[in-house]
Protein backbone atom coordinates (compact mmCIF):
# COMPACT_ATOMS: atom_id res chain seq x y z
CA UNK A 1 20.75 46.49 219.54
CA UNK A 2 17.75 45.39 221.60
CA UNK A 3 18.66 47.93 224.28
CA UNK A 4 18.82 50.69 221.64
CA UNK A 5 15.34 49.80 220.40
CA UNK A 6 14.01 49.82 223.96
CA UNK A 7 15.58 53.22 224.61
CA UNK A 8 14.02 54.62 221.41
CA UNK A 9 10.58 53.34 222.38
CA UNK A 10 10.85 54.85 225.86
CA UNK A 11 12.01 58.18 224.39
CA UNK A 12 8.99 58.26 222.07
CA UNK A 13 6.63 57.54 224.96
CA UNK A 14 8.11 60.41 226.95
CA UNK A 15 7.86 62.99 224.16
CA UNK A 16 5.01 65.36 223.36
CA UNK A 17 4.61 66.53 219.77
CA UNK A 18 2.81 69.86 220.17
CA UNK A 19 1.82 70.28 216.51
CA UNK A 20 0.41 66.75 216.29
CA UNK A 21 -1.34 67.11 219.63
CA UNK A 22 -3.08 70.38 218.73
CA UNK A 23 -4.37 68.95 215.45
CA UNK A 24 -5.95 66.02 217.29
CA UNK A 25 -7.34 67.86 220.31
CA UNK A 26 -11.07 68.49 220.54
CA UNK A 27 -11.16 71.63 222.64
CA UNK A 28 -12.57 75.11 222.10
CA UNK A 29 -9.83 77.13 223.78
CA UNK A 30 -7.71 74.98 226.12
CA UNK A 31 -4.39 74.20 224.45
CA UNK A 32 -4.96 76.28 221.32
CA UNK A 33 -1.73 77.98 222.32
CA UNK A 34 1.03 75.76 223.73
CA UNK A 35 4.62 76.18 224.81
CA UNK A 36 6.94 73.22 225.31
CA UNK A 37 10.36 73.29 226.97
CA UNK A 38 12.73 70.46 227.74
CA UNK A 39 13.64 72.06 231.05
CA UNK A 40 12.20 74.95 233.09
CA UNK A 41 12.45 76.06 236.71
CA UNK A 42 8.71 75.37 236.95
CA UNK A 43 5.86 75.46 234.46
CA UNK A 44 3.92 77.76 236.80
CA UNK A 45 6.77 80.30 236.77
CA UNK A 46 6.98 80.17 232.98
CA UNK A 47 3.20 80.44 232.69
CA UNK A 48 3.19 83.55 234.90
CA UNK A 49 5.74 85.21 232.62
CA UNK A 50 3.62 84.42 229.58
CA UNK A 51 0.39 85.54 231.26
CA UNK A 52 1.94 88.94 232.05
CA UNK A 53 2.93 89.19 228.37
CA UNK A 54 -0.73 88.73 227.42
CA UNK A 55 -1.04 85.21 226.02
CA UNK A 56 -4.67 84.07 225.66
CA UNK A 57 -6.68 82.17 228.25
CA UNK A 58 -6.31 78.45 227.79
CA UNK A 59 -2.59 78.63 227.02
CA UNK A 60 -0.77 75.49 228.17
CA UNK A 61 2.88 75.39 229.25
CA UNK A 62 4.56 71.95 229.25
CA UNK A 63 8.03 70.83 230.28
CA UNK A 64 9.86 67.52 230.09
CA UNK A 65 11.37 68.26 233.50
CA UNK A 66 11.38 71.00 236.16
CA UNK A 67 14.47 72.00 238.10
CA UNK A 68 12.52 73.81 240.84
CA UNK A 69 9.05 72.33 240.67
CA UNK A 70 6.98 73.10 243.75
CA UNK A 71 3.80 72.13 245.50
CA UNK A 72 1.77 73.84 248.19
CA UNK A 73 3.64 75.90 250.80
CA UNK A 74 6.68 76.02 248.44
CA UNK A 75 7.46 72.36 248.99
CA UNK A 76 9.84 70.81 246.50
CA UNK A 77 8.18 68.83 243.71
CA UNK A 78 10.54 66.30 242.10
CA UNK A 79 9.91 66.32 238.35
CA UNK A 80 11.92 63.69 236.44
CA UNK A 81 11.66 63.01 232.72
CA UNK A 82 8.68 60.72 232.13
CA UNK A 83 6.23 62.72 234.19
CA UNK A 84 3.54 65.04 232.89
CA UNK A 85 4.34 68.56 234.12
CA UNK A 86 2.17 71.34 232.76
CA UNK A 87 0.32 74.54 233.66
CA UNK A 88 -2.86 76.08 232.25
CA UNK A 89 -3.46 79.83 232.15
CA UNK A 90 -7.01 81.00 232.81
CA UNK A 91 -8.51 84.47 233.02
CA UNK A 92 -11.71 83.87 234.96
CA UNK A 93 -14.34 86.47 235.68
CA UNK A 94 -15.53 86.83 239.24
CA UNK A 95 -14.12 87.20 242.70
CA UNK A 96 -10.87 85.76 244.02
CA UNK A 97 -12.86 83.76 246.58
CA UNK A 98 -14.09 81.42 243.84
CA UNK A 99 -10.64 80.60 242.47
CA UNK A 100 -10.35 77.60 244.81
CA UNK A 101 -13.13 75.97 242.79
CA UNK A 102 -10.68 75.55 239.92
CA UNK A 103 -8.50 73.19 241.94
CA UNK A 104 -11.49 70.87 242.37
CA UNK A 105 -12.28 71.16 238.65
CA UNK A 106 -8.71 70.13 237.84
CA UNK A 107 -8.42 67.24 240.27
CA UNK A 108 -11.79 65.84 239.14
CA UNK A 109 -10.64 65.96 235.52
CA UNK A 110 -7.40 64.13 236.39
CA UNK A 111 -9.20 61.49 238.47
CA UNK A 112 -11.75 60.73 235.76
CA UNK A 113 -9.04 60.59 233.10
CA UNK A 114 -6.87 58.12 235.00
CA UNK A 115 -9.90 55.96 235.70
CA UNK A 116 -11.27 56.05 232.14
CA UNK A 117 -7.96 55.60 230.32
CA UNK A 118 -6.25 53.06 232.57
CA UNK A 119 -8.89 51.65 234.91
CA UNK A 120 -7.06 52.92 237.98
CA UNK A 121 -8.83 53.05 241.32
CA UNK A 122 -8.49 56.76 241.97
CA UNK A 123 -9.29 58.94 244.95
CA UNK A 124 -9.52 62.69 245.38
CA UNK A 125 -7.94 64.13 248.50
CA UNK A 126 -8.66 67.57 249.89
CA UNK A 127 -7.47 70.06 248.98
CA UNK A 128 -5.49 69.34 245.80
CA UNK A 129 -4.30 65.74 245.33
CA UNK A 130 -5.27 62.66 243.36
CA UNK A 131 -4.37 59.27 244.82
CA UNK A 132 -4.28 55.66 243.65
CA UNK A 133 -4.50 53.02 246.38
CA UNK A 134 -3.90 55.74 248.95
CA UNK A 135 -0.68 57.01 247.32
CA UNK A 136 -0.28 60.35 245.57
CA UNK A 137 -0.15 60.17 241.80
CA UNK A 138 -0.96 63.80 241.04
CA UNK A 139 -0.67 67.16 242.74
CA UNK A 140 -2.18 70.48 241.69
CA UNK A 141 -0.99 73.99 242.50
CA UNK A 142 -3.24 76.96 241.81
CA UNK A 143 -1.71 80.45 241.88
CA UNK A 144 -3.46 83.75 241.32
CA UNK A 145 -2.53 87.25 240.27
CA UNK A 146 -5.22 89.67 241.39
CA UNK A 147 -6.08 93.29 242.02
CA UNK A 148 -8.34 93.85 245.04
CA UNK A 149 -11.14 91.28 244.65
CA UNK A 150 -10.67 90.50 240.95
CA UNK A 151 -8.30 87.90 239.50
CA UNK A 152 -6.25 89.07 236.53
CA UNK A 153 -5.17 85.52 235.75
CA UNK A 154 -4.95 82.09 237.37
CA UNK A 155 -2.24 79.50 236.83
CA UNK A 156 -3.17 75.85 237.42
CA UNK A 157 -0.07 73.69 237.69
CA UNK A 158 -0.51 69.94 237.30
CA UNK A 159 2.06 67.25 238.04
CA UNK A 160 1.26 63.63 237.20
CA UNK A 161 3.68 60.80 237.95
CA UNK A 162 3.55 58.75 234.74
CA UNK A 163 6.47 56.91 233.14
CA UNK A 164 8.82 56.16 236.03
CA UNK A 165 8.87 53.98 239.10
CA UNK A 166 8.53 56.20 242.16
CA UNK A 167 10.29 53.67 244.39
CA UNK A 168 13.39 53.85 242.20
CA UNK A 169 13.19 57.58 241.51
CA UNK A 170 12.08 59.31 244.71
CA UNK A 171 13.98 59.46 247.99
CA UNK A 172 12.52 58.39 251.30
CA UNK A 173 10.05 59.20 252.72
CA UNK A 174 8.41 60.45 249.47
CA UNK A 175 8.57 57.03 247.81
CA UNK A 176 6.44 55.57 250.62
CA UNK A 177 3.48 57.85 249.88
CA UNK A 178 3.60 58.16 246.08
CA UNK A 179 2.92 56.06 243.02
CA UNK A 180 2.90 56.43 239.24
CA UNK A 181 0.96 55.20 236.23
CA UNK A 182 3.87 52.95 235.25
CA UNK A 183 4.13 51.48 238.73
CA UNK A 184 0.42 50.69 238.84
CA UNK A 185 0.11 49.29 235.31
CA UNK A 186 3.52 47.63 235.03
CA UNK A 187 4.31 49.44 231.76
CA UNK A 188 4.74 52.90 230.29
CA UNK A 189 2.01 54.86 228.52
CA UNK A 190 2.13 57.57 225.88
CA UNK A 191 2.37 61.01 227.47
CA UNK A 192 0.81 62.67 224.44
CA UNK A 193 -2.30 60.50 224.72
CA UNK A 194 -2.71 61.25 228.42
CA UNK A 195 -2.18 65.00 227.99
CA UNK A 196 -4.74 65.16 225.18
CA UNK A 197 -7.33 63.36 227.29
CA UNK A 198 -6.57 65.49 230.36
CA UNK A 199 -6.94 68.80 228.54
CA UNK A 200 -10.16 67.73 226.86
CA UNK A 201 -11.60 66.48 230.14
CA UNK A 202 -10.50 69.66 231.92
CA UNK A 203 -12.30 71.89 229.43
CA UNK A 204 -15.50 69.83 229.74
CA UNK A 205 -15.32 69.87 233.55
CA UNK A 206 -14.65 73.61 233.55
CA UNK A 207 -17.67 74.07 231.30
CA UNK A 208 -19.79 72.05 233.73
CA UNK A 209 -18.69 74.37 236.53
CA UNK A 210 -19.44 77.52 234.55
CA UNK A 211 -22.78 76.35 233.16
CA UNK A 212 -24.24 74.38 236.06
CA UNK A 213 -22.34 75.83 238.99
CA UNK A 214 -19.61 74.54 241.27
CA UNK A 215 -22.10 72.38 243.14
CA UNK A 216 -22.33 70.01 240.16
CA UNK A 217 -18.53 69.61 240.04
CA UNK A 218 -18.27 69.15 243.80
CA UNK A 219 -20.93 66.45 243.70
CA UNK A 220 -18.87 64.44 241.21
CA UNK A 221 -15.60 65.17 243.05
CA UNK A 222 -16.99 63.78 246.30
CA UNK A 223 -17.72 60.43 244.62
CA UNK A 224 -13.94 59.87 244.66
CA UNK A 225 -13.36 61.41 248.11
CA UNK A 226 -13.00 58.22 250.13
CA UNK A 227 -11.62 60.13 253.12
CA UNK A 228 -15.07 61.60 253.81
CA UNK A 229 -16.67 60.01 256.85
CA UNK A 230 -13.30 58.97 258.28
CA UNK A 231 -11.34 60.22 261.25
CA UNK A 232 -8.66 62.61 260.04
CA UNK A 233 -6.04 65.06 261.20
CA UNK A 234 -5.48 68.40 259.47
CA UNK A 235 -2.04 69.87 260.01
CA UNK A 236 -1.11 73.44 259.23
CA UNK A 237 1.96 75.47 260.11
CA UNK A 238 0.90 76.09 263.70
CA UNK A 239 -1.55 73.41 264.80
CA UNK A 240 -3.08 69.97 264.33
CA UNK A 241 -6.86 69.56 264.32
CA UNK A 242 -8.61 66.18 264.65
CA UNK A 243 -12.13 65.14 263.82
CA UNK A 244 -14.36 63.43 261.29
CA UNK A 245 -14.19 64.63 257.70
CA UNK A 246 -17.89 65.37 257.38
CA UNK A 247 -18.18 67.19 254.06
CA UNK A 248 -16.73 69.68 251.62
CA UNK A 249 -18.55 73.01 251.66
CA UNK A 250 -19.44 74.95 248.50
CA UNK A 251 -16.61 77.37 249.22
CA UNK A 252 -14.12 74.47 249.09
CA UNK A 253 -13.61 74.27 252.86
CA UNK A 254 -13.27 70.93 254.64
CA UNK A 255 -16.09 70.52 257.15
CA UNK A 256 -14.65 68.83 260.23
CA UNK A 257 -16.89 67.41 262.96
CA UNK A 258 -15.37 67.48 266.43
CA UNK A 259 -16.08 64.91 269.15
CA UNK A 260 -18.59 67.27 270.74
CA UNK A 261 -20.53 67.41 267.47
CA UNK A 262 -19.55 70.95 266.54
CA UNK A 263 -18.60 71.69 262.93
CA UNK A 264 -15.53 73.60 261.87
CA UNK A 265 -14.70 74.84 258.37
CA UNK A 266 -11.02 74.42 257.46
CA UNK A 267 -9.64 76.29 254.46
CA UNK A 268 -6.01 75.13 254.41
CA UNK A 269 -3.83 72.35 255.72
CA UNK A 270 -2.54 68.84 255.07
CA UNK A 271 -5.03 66.04 255.60
CA UNK A 272 -4.04 62.67 257.05
CA UNK A 273 -6.27 59.67 257.68
CA UNK A 274 -5.92 58.67 261.32
CA UNK A 275 -6.95 55.06 260.61
CA UNK A 276 -4.06 54.56 258.18
CA UNK A 277 -0.46 53.82 259.06
CA UNK A 278 0.76 55.99 256.24
CA UNK A 279 -0.22 59.58 255.37
CA UNK A 280 -2.87 59.75 252.69
């Protein structure tokens, strides 16, 4: 009987009631239209289908689990029940070159939410991760459909490890570099509460970017970027580049200072702290 009650409580924590959530949310356009599925290939794929069909900007696609979730470079993203897996559809005006700003907007919103709600010591990691104690707790995947220099729509996929223990759920070596809200707090939290806070924070952060410019968002983002000033390696598909993470430029590039003092702007790659035993 006690086990049944425990199972019921855990099931409630892992559910999202869309109707209830929308009534409580304080947003202007984010989440006014929502789609929830128990299982999808990936929320980004489903969001793309809906965007082509003409759903409004701000539409949110949520799934209890993804069978083919993915991160950058088509890497597999394991998405068990208990995580928060969702995508937001935007239809921004402006050039494709500015779309990378939205990844910073999203990761800042996630970082501030996890800090404010749960008191977690969060870090932002270039280009698209949020960490707690050096371990990944959230990844973000931005994908764009565009014609020439204009974006027709942007999909921002967000994956947050919430109500599961990564050490028991993920295989090696992923478990060594990841964490979850449950693992850090020692208990589960309500997914609905976290999603509401995340979407509200995202809309406010997006508004800051639109009204005051990306510089204002980047300034806040860098307050969590503890890798800045450290020796790092950036690995892409063909090379490894070492240097000091000097700054993040206004175009979203990592500014890397070489030993000879020269600066190099890096637009893509995986960042690792050289002073740490484990990848960050």
